[in-house]
Amino acid sequence: MWVAAAVVAALAIAAAVYLNTSYAAGDEARAALASDAEVTVTVQEDGDTVFAPAAGSANGAGLIFYPGGKVAPEAYAPLMRACAERGFTCVLVRFPFNLAVFDVNAADGEEAAFPQVSRWYIGGHSLGGAMAASYAAGHAGDFRGLLLCGAYATEDLGDAGLAVTSVYGSDDGVLNRDAYEKNRGNIPQAVEDVIEGGCHSYFGDYGLQDGDGTPAISRDEQIARTADDLAQMDTV
């Protein structure tokens, strides 16, 4: 009984450490959280962060973005800022323990809060991308498209009427390529963009994730390319 109790206690401690440990946002990400003449950054009561383009540059489109698993959402501030600079109102979602699996429906209600946005996209990175795809599968009528960053869809979106862009780095060492290929059929309409020299971690600013490849381009280049992919999807 004592041995069993010790094992349970050890597992509980390990779980607590895991749930309360995440990749922290880097200096570039923290700097991107400051408002300026091009982008206004605000934090909502629920902890989500909004990146709003200047009134004259807003294009009427919005993006709800699910961060990767165990990554502080603030790490994606450079990507959200880049998308906002291209006219998108971006909502960066915060999850319990930084894991999207604890609140797959986090996008609920976000659209209603921004009546100035007439067309919406949803996206995410890694685990966040998979959960964003799952949410889109049940709410396809709410979105114009899906942006997957180093991620794949585990549910069939072939008949959802969504534009889909799947972008990942050629040197991504974290993305499960077997699972990616296995689930490719769930998004037959996807436009795929393989960023040569890109990696898994460079969609955000949180250092290099364990097991990732060595990038051959800068983080800024990968983020700009991804933001361009979103802008291109909005022109189709």
Protein backbone atom coordinates (compact mmCIF):
# COMPACT_ATOMS: atom_id res chain seq x y z
CA MET A 1 0.00 0.00 0.00
CA TRP A 2 2.83 2.37 0.85
CA VAL A 3 4.55 1.58 -2.43
CA ALA A 4 1.34 2.24 -4.35
CA ALA A 5 0.85 5.51 -2.52
CA ALA A 6 4.41 6.56 -3.33
CA VAL A 7 3.91 5.77 -7.00
CA VAL A 8 0.67 7.76 -7.12
CA ALA A 9 2.36 10.69 -5.38
CA ALA A 10 5.28 10.59 -7.80
CA LEU A 11 2.94 10.53 -10.79
CA ALA A 12 0.96 13.43 -9.36
CA ILE A 13 4.13 15.47 -8.88
CA ALA A 14 5.32 14.64 -12.39
CA ALA A 15 1.95 15.64 -13.85
CA ALA A 16 1.94 18.91 -11.90
CA VAL A 17 5.45 19.76 -13.10
CA TYR A 18 4.51 18.96 -16.70
CA LEU A 19 1.28 20.95 -16.66
CA ASN A 20 2.92 23.99 -15.13
CA THR A 21 6.00 24.04 -17.37
CA SER A 22 5.95 25.65 -20.80
CA TYR A 23 8.27 27.16 -23.37
CA ALA A 24 8.46 30.86 -22.50
CA ALA A 25 8.17 33.72 -24.95
CA GLY A 26 11.46 35.28 -26.06
CA ASP A 27 12.51 38.92 -26.19
CA GLU A 28 11.26 39.43 -29.76
CA ALA A 29 7.84 38.10 -28.80
CA ARG A 30 7.58 40.30 -25.73
CA ALA A 31 8.52 43.35 -27.81
CA ALA A 32 5.81 42.45 -30.34
CA LEU A 33 3.19 42.78 -27.60
CA ALA A 34 3.62 46.56 -27.50
CA SER A 35 1.11 48.68 -29.43
CA ASP A 36 2.33 51.07 -32.10
CA ALA A 37 0.93 53.08 -35.00
CA GLU A 38 0.37 49.94 -37.11
CA VAL A 39 -1.02 47.45 -34.58
CA THR A 40 -2.92 47.87 -31.33
CA VAL A 41 -2.46 45.05 -28.83
CA THR A 42 -4.99 44.48 -26.05
CA VAL A 43 -5.60 41.67 -23.56
CA GLN A 44 -9.21 40.61 -23.05
CA GLU A 45 -10.74 39.67 -19.72
CA ASP A 46 -10.43 35.96 -20.57
CA GLY A 47 -6.69 36.34 -21.16
CA ASP A 48 -6.84 36.17 -24.96
CA THR A 49 -4.74 38.78 -26.77
CA VAL A 50 -6.05 40.81 -29.70
CA PHE A 51 -3.83 42.30 -32.39
CA ALA A 52 -5.86 44.91 -34.28
CA PRO A 53 -4.56 46.61 -37.43
CA ALA A 54 -4.76 50.37 -37.76
CA ALA A 55 -8.20 51.44 -38.97
CA GLY A 56 -6.92 52.40 -42.40
CA SER A 57 -5.22 49.06 -43.02
CA ALA A 58 -7.87 46.64 -41.73
CA ASN A 59 -9.08 44.34 -44.50
CA GLY A 60 -12.25 43.05 -42.82
CA ALA A 61 -10.78 39.62 -42.10
CA GLY A 62 -9.96 37.98 -38.79
CA LEU A 63 -7.85 35.09 -37.52
CA ILE A 64 -8.39 33.06 -34.35
CA PHE A 65 -5.12 31.32 -33.52
CA TYR A 66 -4.51 28.30 -31.25
CA PRO A 67 -0.93 28.15 -29.84
CA GLY A 68 1.16 24.99 -29.85
CA GLY A 69 1.16 22.62 -26.90
CA LYS A 70 3.16 23.74 -23.86
CA VAL A 71 4.13 27.01 -25.51
CA ALA A 72 3.26 30.33 -23.87
CA PRO A 73 0.77 32.08 -26.18
CA GLU A 74 2.81 35.28 -26.07
CA ALA A 75 5.48 33.46 -28.09
CA TYR A 76 3.25 33.85 -31.15
CA ALA A 77 3.03 37.64 -30.85
CA PRO A 78 5.45 38.19 -33.81
CA LEU A 79 3.29 36.03 -36.08
CA MET A 80 0.08 37.71 -34.93
CA ARG A 81 1.63 41.13 -35.44
CA ALA A 82 2.77 40.16 -38.95
CA CYS A 83 -0.77 39.02 -39.79
CA ALA A 84 -2.24 42.21 -38.31
CA GLU A 85 0.15 44.28 -40.41
CA ARG A 86 -1.44 42.56 -43.41
CA GLY A 87 -4.87 43.76 -42.31
CA PHE A 88 -6.14 40.86 -40.17
CA THR A 89 -7.67 41.27 -36.73
CA CYS A 90 -5.98 38.46 -34.80
CA VAL A 91 -7.17 36.78 -31.61
CA LEU A 92 -4.44 34.80 -29.86
CA VAL A 93 -6.15 32.28 -27.59
CA ARG A 94 -4.93 31.30 -24.12
CA PHE A 95 -5.53 27.72 -22.88
CA PRO A 96 -5.41 26.14 -19.42
CA PHE A 97 -1.89 24.81 -18.88
CA ASN A 98 -1.09 25.99 -22.44
CA LEU A 99 -2.71 22.88 -23.90
CA ALA A 100 -5.49 23.26 -26.46
CA VAL A 101 -6.93 19.86 -25.55
CA PHE A 102 -8.28 21.41 -22.35
CA ASP A 103 -10.48 23.90 -24.25
CA VAL A 104 -10.97 22.94 -27.89
CA ASN A 105 -13.98 25.28 -28.04
CA ALA A 106 -11.98 28.33 -27.01
CA ALA A 107 -13.00 30.07 -30.23
CA ASP A 108 -16.64 30.17 -29.11
CA GLY A 109 -17.94 33.72 -28.95
CA GLU A 110 -14.85 35.38 -30.39
CA GLU A 111 -16.47 36.32 -33.71
CA ALA A 112 -19.38 38.12 -32.08
CA ALA A 113 -16.95 40.38 -30.22
CA PHE A 114 -15.64 41.84 -33.49
CA PRO A 115 -18.57 42.97 -35.65
CA GLN A 116 -16.17 44.84 -37.93
CA VAL A 117 -14.79 41.48 -39.15
CA SER A 118 -16.84 40.03 -41.99
CA ARG A 119 -14.85 36.87 -42.75
CA TRP A 120 -12.98 34.65 -40.33
CA TYR A 121 -10.13 32.19 -40.46
CA ILE A 122 -8.98 29.82 -37.75
CA GLY A 123 -5.53 28.34 -37.39
CA GLY A 124 -2.92 27.06 -35.04
CA HIS A 125 0.51 25.62 -34.53
CA SER A 126 1.30 21.97 -33.86
CA LEU A 127 -1.19 20.58 -31.31
CA GLY A 128 -3.02 23.90 -31.47
CA GLY A 129 -3.38 23.48 -35.21
CA ALA A 130 -4.86 20.01 -34.83
CA MET A 131 -7.36 21.31 -32.26
CA ALA A 132 -8.22 24.31 -34.46
CA ALA A 133 -8.93 21.87 -37.30
CA SER A 134 -11.18 19.83 -34.99
CA TYR A 135 -13.08 22.96 -34.02
CA ALA A 136 -13.41 23.97 -37.67
CA ALA A 137 -14.85 20.54 -38.49
CA GLY A 138 -17.81 21.29 -36.26
CA HIS A 139 -18.13 24.98 -37.15
CA ALA A 140 -17.20 25.07 -40.83
CA GLY A 141 -19.93 27.58 -41.60
CA ASP A 142 -18.28 30.12 -39.32
CA PHE A 143 -14.99 30.25 -41.17
CA ARG A 144 -13.65 30.95 -44.62
CA GLY A 145 -10.44 29.01 -44.12
CA LEU A 146 -8.00 27.10 -41.93
CA LEU A 147 -4.29 27.82 -41.46
CA LEU A 148 -2.22 24.85 -40.24
CA CYS A 149 1.31 25.60 -39.06
CA GLY A 150 3.37 22.45 -38.58
CA ALA A 151 0.11 20.57 -37.99
CA TYR A 152 -2.46 18.30 -39.59
CA ALA A 153 -6.20 17.70 -39.41
CA THR A 154 -7.41 14.49 -37.77
CA GLU A 155 -11.01 14.97 -38.94
CA ASP A 156 -12.35 14.98 -42.49
CA LEU A 157 -12.68 18.54 -43.81
CA GLY A 158 -12.95 17.60 -47.47
CA ASP A 159 -16.59 18.68 -47.75
CA ALA A 160 -16.43 21.54 -45.25
CA GLY A 161 -16.16 24.26 -47.88
CA LEU A 162 -13.04 25.67 -46.21
CA ALA A 163 -9.92 26.96 -47.87
CA VAL A 164 -6.95 25.27 -46.18
CA THR A 165 -3.28 26.19 -46.19
CA SER A 166 -0.80 23.80 -44.59
CA VAL A 167 2.62 25.34 -44.00
CA TYR A 168 5.63 23.70 -42.40
CA GLY A 169 9.41 23.94 -42.46
CA SER A 170 11.57 21.55 -44.47
CA ASP A 171 13.75 21.03 -41.37
CA ASP A 172 10.88 20.49 -38.94
CA GLY A 173 12.05 17.79 -36.53
CA VAL A 174 8.92 17.75 -34.38
CA LEU A 175 6.09 17.31 -36.86
CA ASN A 176 5.17 13.62 -37.13
CA ARG A 177 5.56 13.13 -40.88
CA ASP A 178 3.94 9.68 -40.85
CA ALA A 179 0.85 11.07 -39.14
CA TYR A 180 0.90 14.08 -41.48
CA GLU A 181 0.84 11.81 -44.52
CA LYS A 182 -1.75 9.50 -42.99
CA ASN A 183 -4.11 12.42 -42.39
CA ARG A 184 -3.41 14.28 -45.64
CA GLY A 185 -6.68 12.95 -47.07
CA ASN A 186 -8.65 14.89 -44.46
CA ILE A 187 -7.78 18.14 -46.25
CA PRO A 188 -7.62 17.24 -49.96
CA GLN A 189 -8.23 20.89 -50.86
CA ALA A 190 -5.18 22.12 -48.96
CA VAL A 191 -2.53 24.34 -50.47
CA GLU A 192 0.77 23.11 -49.06
CA ASP A 193 3.70 25.46 -48.47
CA VAL A 194 6.98 23.84 -47.42
CA ILE A 195 9.32 26.58 -46.21
CA GLU A 196 12.82 25.59 -47.25
CA GLY A 197 15.13 25.88 -44.25
CA GLY A 198 12.26 26.42 -41.83
CA CYS A 199 11.70 24.47 -38.61
CA HIS A 200 8.90 23.68 -36.18
CA SER A 201 9.79 26.27 -33.56
CA TYR A 202 10.05 29.30 -35.84
CA PHE A 203 6.31 29.93 -36.05
CA GLY A 204 6.84 31.50 -32.64
CA ASP A 205 9.63 32.92 -30.52
CA TYR A 206 10.33 30.45 -27.72
CA GLY A 207 13.74 29.01 -28.56
CA LEU A 208 14.20 25.70 -30.33
CA GLN A 209 11.81 22.99 -29.25
CA ASP A 210 13.27 19.65 -28.11
CA GLY A 211 13.88 17.43 -31.11
CA ASP A 212 13.52 20.17 -33.69
CA GLY A 213 15.80 20.48 -36.70
CA THR A 214 18.39 23.18 -37.31
CA PRO A 215 16.84 26.10 -39.21
CA ALA A 216 18.61 27.56 -42.22
CA ILE A 217 16.52 30.73 -42.34
CA SER A 218 15.62 33.36 -39.77
CA ARG A 219 12.54 33.29 -37.59
CA ASP A 220 11.42 36.57 -39.16
CA GLU A 221 11.57 35.02 -42.63
CA GLN A 222 9.44 32.04 -41.61
CA ILE A 223 6.89 34.24 -39.85
CA ALA A 224 6.64 36.63 -42.82
CA ARG A 225 6.14 33.69 -45.19
CA THR A 226 3.37 32.30 -42.99
CA ALA A 227 1.61 35.66 -42.76
CA ASP A 228 1.84 35.94 -46.54
CA ASP A 229 0.22 32.50 -46.83
CA LEU A 230 -2.73 33.71 -44.78
CA ALA A 231 -3.03 36.86 -46.90
CA GLN A 232 -2.90 34.77 -50.07
CA MET A 233 -5.64 32.49 -48.80
CA ASP A 234 -7.86 35.53 -48.33
CA THR A 235 -7.54 36.48 -52.00
CA VAL A 236 -8.92 33.19 -53.33
